[in-house]
Structure formats: C-alpha cells, structure tokens
Amino acid sequence: MATGHGNGDARAYLVPSNRYGTIKYMETAIVAGGCFWCTEAVFRDVIGVDSVESGYIGGSVDNPTYKQVCGGSTGHAEAIKVHYDPHQISYAEILDVFMGTHDPTQLNRQGNDVGTQYRSAIFPLDDTQRAEAEAAIERSNAENDGRVVTTIEGPAKWYPAEDYHQEYWDGEGQRNPYCLAVIPPKLMKLRKSFQNRVKA
C-alpha cells in the first residue's frame, strides 16, 4: 500500500517492494497527451515505471464521468498518473518520453480525437517539476520548429477514471479497432526513439 502525503497527488511516496517489507521510494508524474488508453499503454512499457493510472484532471466539475469528460464541457483532460522509481528514470526522461510519443504540436487534439479533453498538458506537482516541465517543452520546441502547444497547468485535483479504463490496452483494447489502429504505432515509436527506456 502506497503511503502518500497531502491530497494524494504528492510527488513522492513509499511502497513495499517485496514480502520482506523492504520499502522503495517512488515519485509521481501527471501528463495528458490525448486518449488516456494510448498514453497509459506507452508508459506501462517504460523502464522504472511501477504503475500507471488513467484519470481526469484540470476541470471544474467534481468526480466527472467519462461521458461528461468526452462531452468536453467539464474542462478536464484525459490524463495519466505515472508512479516511477527515480533511481531508474528521471522526471526529465519521463517528460521526454511523453513529448516524443504524442504530437505536442496539435492544439486540443490528437489525430481524430478533437477537443480540450485531448489537449497536450503537463501537471507538475511542485516547483521543481514545473521547472523541468518548462525545460522539456523547450527541448521539444527545438525539435519541432517552435510549434509545441503543450501547456503547463495546475495545481489541479486528480480523479481516477472508471475501473474499466485502467490497463485498458491489456484487455478490452486488444479488441477495440480504435486502439488497434492508434496504440501499436505509438509503441513502435517508443521502441525506436527510446529503445534504452523500454522494458524487456
């Protein structure tokens, strides 16, 4: 069981790493880059990532539903909360993978998914992460001719998505034509551009 601090969006937390009670130190990153099924699938394959949760953030309605968020009226983004081991991967590297596996130059959309709920955004959990987010956007702008539209937002409350959205690609996603069309190219890009960051 993770032990967090504050409102549950704490950057750092401790988690038992084995049955002998050894504790390991983990950190948290929250990013939004289009459909959360896609971004979750990518980060579950990244070295150092312990777990990924899909959810909603950055809106004005408490406890939004998937239907409400998809309607575009709540202001939330489909996002993922990444729990990772900073001894294996840094926050900067997490952000570089994020920026490199979606299109940060598309405003309020990713491919055929259109709306503010699919915006490209980073939600830093403290000032250090905010500075890293600014640096990551600068690096991405250098690679994308200054066309990056990724925003830095927050602080904002995190709402976990409904259970059936969690680990979606590993289950229902394998039978979903949308996922079959969109997710494999993202995973291929991860393996090509970040091969030293992919789990064996």
Protein backbone atom coordinates (compact mmCIF):
# COMPACT_ATOMS: atom_id res chain seq x y z
CA MET A 1 0.00 0.00 0.00
CA ALA A 2 1.44 3.35 -1.03
CA THR A 3 1.94 5.99 1.62
CA GLY A 4 1.43 9.43 0.15
CA HIS A 5 1.25 12.92 1.55
CA GLY A 6 -1.29 15.72 1.25
CA ASN A 7 -4.19 15.28 -1.15
CA GLY A 8 -2.95 12.11 -2.83
CA ASP A 9 -1.20 13.95 -5.65
CA ALA A 10 2.09 14.00 -3.74
CA ARG A 11 5.16 13.81 -5.88
CA ALA A 12 6.89 11.23 -3.68
CA TYR A 13 5.63 8.19 -1.83
CA LEU A 14 6.86 4.94 -0.33
CA VAL A 15 5.74 1.47 -1.32
CA PRO A 16 6.71 -2.04 -0.12
CA SER A 17 8.90 -3.63 -2.78
CA ASN A 18 8.74 -7.25 -1.61
CA ARG A 19 7.24 -9.58 1.01
CA TYR A 20 10.09 -8.87 3.42
CA GLY A 21 8.84 -5.33 3.94
CA THR A 22 11.58 -3.53 2.06
CA ILE A 23 10.43 -0.02 1.21
CA LYS A 24 11.28 1.73 -2.03
CA TYR A 25 10.97 5.42 -2.80
CA MET A 26 8.72 6.32 -5.73
CA GLU A 27 7.78 9.56 -7.43
CA THR A 28 4.73 10.70 -9.39
CA ALA A 29 4.23 12.46 -12.72
CA ILE A 30 0.94 13.55 -14.29
CA VAL A 31 0.68 14.22 -18.03
CA ALA A 32 -2.08 14.48 -20.61
CA GLY A 33 -1.48 13.65 -24.26
CA GLY A 34 -4.74 12.63 -25.90
CA CYS A 35 -6.63 9.42 -25.22
CA PHE A 36 -5.50 8.02 -21.87
CA TRP A 37 -5.74 4.45 -23.17
CA CYS A 38 -2.85 5.32 -25.52
CA THR A 39 -0.61 7.18 -23.10
CA GLU A 40 -1.14 4.53 -20.42
CA ALA A 41 -0.13 1.77 -22.86
CA VAL A 42 3.09 3.61 -23.70
CA PHE A 43 4.18 4.27 -20.13
CA ARG A 44 3.43 0.76 -18.89
CA ASP A 45 6.33 -0.29 -21.18
CA VAL A 46 8.84 2.24 -19.80
CA ILE A 47 11.70 1.13 -17.55
CA GLY A 48 11.37 2.41 -14.00
CA VAL A 49 7.60 2.85 -14.20
CA ASP A 50 5.92 0.99 -11.35
CA SER A 51 2.29 1.69 -12.25
CA VAL A 52 0.09 3.93 -14.40
CA GLU A 53 -3.41 5.16 -13.58
CA SER A 54 -5.78 6.77 -16.09
CA GLY A 55 -7.88 9.67 -14.91
CA TYR A 56 -9.18 13.19 -15.31
CA ILE A 57 -7.57 16.48 -14.27
CA GLY A 58 -7.76 20.20 -14.87
CA GLY A 59 -11.52 20.68 -14.96
CA SER A 60 -14.25 22.41 -12.99
CA VAL A 61 -16.60 19.53 -12.10
CA ASP A 62 -16.12 17.25 -9.09
CA ASN A 63 -15.97 13.49 -9.77
CA PRO A 64 -16.53 13.74 -13.52
CA THR A 65 -17.65 10.70 -15.51
CA TYR A 66 -16.10 9.52 -18.76
CA LYS A 67 -19.24 10.60 -20.61
CA GLN A 68 -19.04 14.10 -19.14
CA VAL A 69 -15.34 14.48 -19.96
CA CYS A 70 -15.86 13.18 -23.51
CA GLY A 71 -18.56 15.81 -23.93
CA GLY A 72 -15.88 18.47 -23.49
CA SER A 73 -17.89 20.61 -21.08
CA THR A 74 -16.06 19.90 -17.79
CA GLY A 75 -12.65 21.26 -18.77
CA HIS A 76 -10.86 18.07 -17.74
CA ALA A 77 -8.11 16.42 -19.74
CA GLU A 78 -7.79 12.68 -20.14
CA ALA A 79 -4.51 12.10 -18.33
CA ILE A 80 -2.30 9.52 -16.69
CA LYS A 81 -0.63 9.44 -13.30
CA VAL A 82 2.73 7.69 -13.56
CA HIS A 83 4.39 6.20 -10.47
CA TYR A 84 8.08 5.66 -11.15
CA ASP A 85 11.40 4.85 -9.49
CA PRO A 86 13.62 7.97 -9.78
CA HIS A 87 16.69 5.75 -9.41
CA GLN A 88 15.81 4.14 -12.75
CA ILE A 89 14.32 7.04 -14.70
CA SER A 90 14.23 10.77 -14.02
CA TYR A 91 11.28 13.11 -14.27
CA ALA A 92 13.02 14.83 -17.19
CA GLU A 93 13.25 11.49 -19.00
CA ILE A 94 9.59 10.77 -18.26
CA LEU A 95 8.71 14.09 -19.88
CA ASP A 96 10.95 13.44 -22.89
CA VAL A 97 9.21 10.10 -23.48
CA PHE A 98 5.86 11.85 -23.11
CA MET A 99 6.73 14.62 -25.57
CA GLY A 100 8.23 12.14 -28.01
CA THR A 101 5.34 9.66 -28.15
CA HIS A 102 2.44 12.03 -28.89
CA ASP A 103 2.15 15.09 -31.14
CA PRO A 104 2.77 18.15 -28.93
CA THR A 105 2.11 20.49 -31.86
CA GLN A 106 -1.61 19.68 -32.18
CA LEU A 107 -3.86 22.07 -30.27
CA ASN A 108 -6.69 20.38 -28.36
CA ARG A 109 -6.48 17.19 -30.37
CA GLN A 110 -4.52 14.03 -31.11
CA GLY A 111 -5.28 12.70 -34.57
CA ASN A 112 -9.02 12.17 -34.92
CA ASP A 113 -9.63 12.86 -31.22
CA VAL A 114 -10.66 16.51 -31.09
CA GLY A 115 -11.49 18.60 -28.02
CA THR A 116 -9.88 20.20 -24.98
CA GLN A 117 -10.10 16.83 -23.18
CA TYR A 118 -7.38 15.62 -25.58
CA ARG A 119 -5.03 18.58 -25.03
CA SER A 120 -1.31 18.19 -24.50
CA ALA A 121 -0.51 19.25 -20.95
CA ILE A 122 1.86 18.66 -18.06
CA PHE A 123 0.61 18.93 -14.47
CA PRO A 124 3.66 19.48 -12.23
CA LEU A 125 3.29 18.63 -8.56
CA ASP A 126 5.86 21.10 -7.24
CA ASP A 127 8.13 23.93 -8.35
CA THR A 128 10.95 21.57 -9.27
CA GLN A 129 8.69 19.62 -11.62
CA ARG A 130 7.37 22.90 -13.06
CA ALA A 131 10.92 23.98 -13.96
CA GLU A 132 11.58 20.55 -15.50
CA ALA A 133 8.33 20.84 -17.49
CA GLU A 134 9.41 24.21 -18.89
CA ALA A 135 12.77 22.72 -19.88
CA ALA A 136 11.12 19.69 -21.53
CA ILE A 137 8.88 21.94 -23.62
CA GLU A 138 11.95 23.95 -24.67
CA ARG A 139 13.71 20.75 -25.77
CA SER A 140 10.64 19.63 -27.70
CA ASN A 141 10.26 23.05 -29.32
CA ALA A 142 13.83 22.76 -30.59
CA GLU A 143 12.85 19.51 -32.33
CA ASN A 144 9.50 20.80 -33.59
CA ASP A 145 10.40 24.22 -35.03
CA GLY A 146 8.88 26.04 -32.06
CA ARG A 147 5.38 24.69 -32.75
CA VAL A 148 4.78 22.96 -29.40
CA VAL A 149 1.41 23.86 -27.82
CA THR A 150 1.80 21.74 -24.67
CA THR A 151 0.61 23.67 -21.62
CA ILE A 152 1.78 23.58 -18.01
CA GLU A 153 -1.25 23.51 -15.73
CA GLY A 154 -2.22 23.11 -12.11
CA PRO A 155 -2.19 22.52 -9.32
CA ALA A 156 -5.39 20.62 -10.02
CA LYS A 157 -7.35 17.80 -8.43
CA TRP A 158 -6.89 14.29 -9.80
CA TYR A 159 -9.85 11.98 -10.37
CA PRO A 160 -9.18 8.31 -11.22
CA ALA A 161 -11.10 7.12 -14.27
CA GLU A 162 -13.65 4.34 -14.00
CA ASP A 163 -12.19 0.86 -13.38
CA TYR A 164 -12.78 -0.37 -16.93
CA HIS A 165 -10.38 2.27 -18.28
CA GLN A 166 -7.45 1.01 -16.18
CA GLU A 167 -4.96 -1.21 -18.06
CA TYR A 168 -7.37 -0.97 -20.99
CA TRP A 169 -4.87 -1.94 -23.69
CA ASP A 170 -4.06 -5.20 -21.92
CA GLY A 171 -7.71 -6.28 -22.04
CA GLU A 172 -10.59 -4.77 -23.98
CA GLY A 173 -8.20 -2.62 -26.01
CA GLN A 174 -6.98 -5.69 -27.88
CA ARG A 175 -10.48 -5.95 -29.42
CA ASN A 176 -11.06 -2.23 -29.91
CA PRO A 177 -10.45 -1.14 -33.55
CA TYR A 178 -9.51 2.39 -32.42
CA CYS A 179 -6.84 1.09 -30.05
CA LEU A 180 -5.54 -1.40 -32.61
CA ALA A 181 -5.07 1.45 -35.08
CA VAL A 182 -3.57 4.04 -32.72
CA ILE A 183 -1.63 2.29 -29.96
CA PRO A 184 0.79 -0.01 -31.88
CA PRO A 185 2.34 2.93 -33.81
CA LYS A 186 2.91 4.74 -30.51
CA LEU A 187 4.57 1.66 -29.02
CA MET A 188 6.75 1.35 -32.14
CA LYS A 189 7.77 4.99 -31.76
CA LEU A 190 8.65 4.35 -28.12
CA ARG A 191 10.85 1.40 -29.10
CA LYS A 192 12.51 3.30 -31.93
CA SER A 193 13.12 6.64 -30.23
CA PHE A 194 13.63 5.47 -26.64
CA GLN A 195 14.91 1.92 -27.01
CA ASN A 196 17.10 2.22 -23.91
CA ARG A 197 13.99 3.10 -21.88
CA VAL A 198 11.80 0.13 -22.88
CA LYS A 199 11.15 -2.80 -20.57
CA ALA A 200 12.47 -6.12 -21.87
